[in-house]
Amino acid sequence: VGEGTHTNVFAVVDDTLVTPPIDVDPPILHGVTRAMVAEVAEDAAIPFAERPLPVHELLEAEEVLITSSRKIVAAIVQIDGRPVGSGAIGPVARSVYDRCLQRIANECGIATSPTTGRIAAGAAAEPRA
């Protein structure tokens, strides 16, 4: 598996977040969110690998997620009617999503809660010059 329609794909296989390499033939989407997920995974000490992702591994994965600029990170909880992992959003997807949102908030100057680190209710970014 290389990618989805306008999305990059990731899977948690043996506790490692795996995504296909971008330098394959045919090439896959060089997603900016894909790159951010790789960075936040490294920052969070989540084991990460860029390698081919065969269909059988995707079907047996602990978690599957897709990334895009629009969705940021979306957990896939079913494939062909079969649950992925527990059939719910997994801890890696949740952690990566939260960390991506935090990074975006920091880069855009959006206020976050001092206790949770999440985007504060009603927060608005100040326009940048």
Foldseek 3Di string as FASTA:
>chain_A
DAADDQKFKWFQFPQEIEGADQPDVVGDDPAPLVVLLVVVCVVVVRHYDHHDDDPVCVQATLWMWIAHPVVSIDTDQDDPRHGRNVSDDDPSSVSSSQSVQLVVCVVQVWDADPVPSHGDPPTDGDDDD
